[in-house]
Amino acid sequence: MKTMLKKSVALIASGEKDAAQEAVRETQSFIGRLWKRGIVHKNKMRRLQSKLMKKFAPAQKATA
């Protein structure tokens, strides 16, 4: 989970919009699956997804 988050954030910072968008989508899906399996708490899942999207949103707007 931490590795996927780090890779997503690195792609966002590098400015590769398409790769970052795909990585963010996969990371959010992975975090959701962890919640469904009971590995992470619901609030932690939502917090992680929210933090990731807060980092991704400005990068997405800048290149739009």
Protein backbone atom coordinates (compact mmCIF):
# COMPACT_ATOMS: atom_id res chain seq x y z
CA MET A 1 0.00 0.00 0.00
CA LYS A 2 2.74 2.47 0.92
CA THR A 3 4.69 1.62 -2.21
CA MET A 4 1.66 2.25 -4.45
CA LEU A 5 1.01 5.57 -2.72
CA LYS A 6 4.64 6.64 -3.15
CA LYS A 7 4.66 5.69 -6.84
CA SER A 8 1.44 7.61 -7.44
CA VAL A 9 2.75 10.71 -5.69
CA ALA A 10 6.04 10.48 -7.62
CA LEU A 11 4.19 10.31 -10.94
CA ILE A 12 2.03 13.27 -9.95
CA ALA A 13 5.14 15.28 -9.09
CA SER A 14 6.87 14.32 -12.34
CA GLY A 15 4.04 15.81 -14.39
CA GLU A 16 3.17 12.69 -16.37
CA LYS A 17 -0.59 13.21 -16.46
CA ASP A 18 -1.70 9.97 -18.12
CA ALA A 19 0.57 7.73 -16.09
CA ALA A 20 -0.33 9.55 -12.87
CA GLN A 21 -4.04 9.26 -13.59
CA GLU A 22 -3.75 5.51 -14.16
CA ALA A 23 -1.63 5.06 -11.02
CA VAL A 24 -4.08 7.06 -8.89
CA ARG A 25 -7.00 5.01 -10.19
CA GLU A 26 -5.21 1.74 -9.44
CA THR A 27 -4.11 2.92 -6.00
CA GLN A 28 -7.63 3.98 -5.03
CA SER A 29 -8.99 0.64 -6.19
CA PHE A 30 -6.32 -1.22 -4.23
CA ILE A 31 -7.06 0.74 -1.05
CA GLY A 32 -10.77 -0.03 -1.48
CA ARG A 33 -10.01 -3.74 -1.81
CA LEU A 34 -7.96 -3.63 1.39
CA TRP A 35 -10.97 -2.14 3.18
CA LYS A 36 -13.30 -4.82 1.79
CA ARG A 37 -10.95 -7.51 3.10
CA GLY A 38 -10.85 -5.88 6.53
CA ILE A 39 -7.17 -4.97 6.40
CA VAL A 40 -7.69 -1.22 6.85
CA HIS A 41 -10.45 0.67 8.64
CA LYS A 42 -13.06 2.51 6.59
CA ASN A 43 -11.94 5.92 7.86
CA LYS A 44 -8.31 5.20 7.02
CA MET A 45 -9.32 4.13 3.51
CA ARG A 46 -11.22 7.35 2.96
CA ARG A 47 -8.45 9.47 4.47
CA LEU A 48 -5.80 7.89 2.21
CA GLN A 49 -7.95 8.31 -0.88
CA SER A 50 -8.72 11.91 0.03
CA LYS A 51 -5.05 12.79 0.57
CA LEU A 52 -4.14 11.21 -2.75
CA MET A 53 -6.82 13.12 -4.64
CA LYS A 54 -5.80 16.41 -2.99
CA LYS A 55 -2.33 15.90 -4.43
CA PHE A 56 -3.64 14.82 -7.83
CA ALA A 57 -6.30 17.51 -8.38
CA PRO A 58 -3.95 20.50 -8.88
CA ALA A 59 -1.80 18.48 -11.31
CA GLN A 60 -4.89 17.50 -13.26
CA LYS A 61 -6.14 21.10 -13.48
CA ALA A 62 -2.73 22.44 -14.50
CA THR A 63 -2.55 20.26 -17.57
CA ALA A 64 -6.23 20.50 -18.54
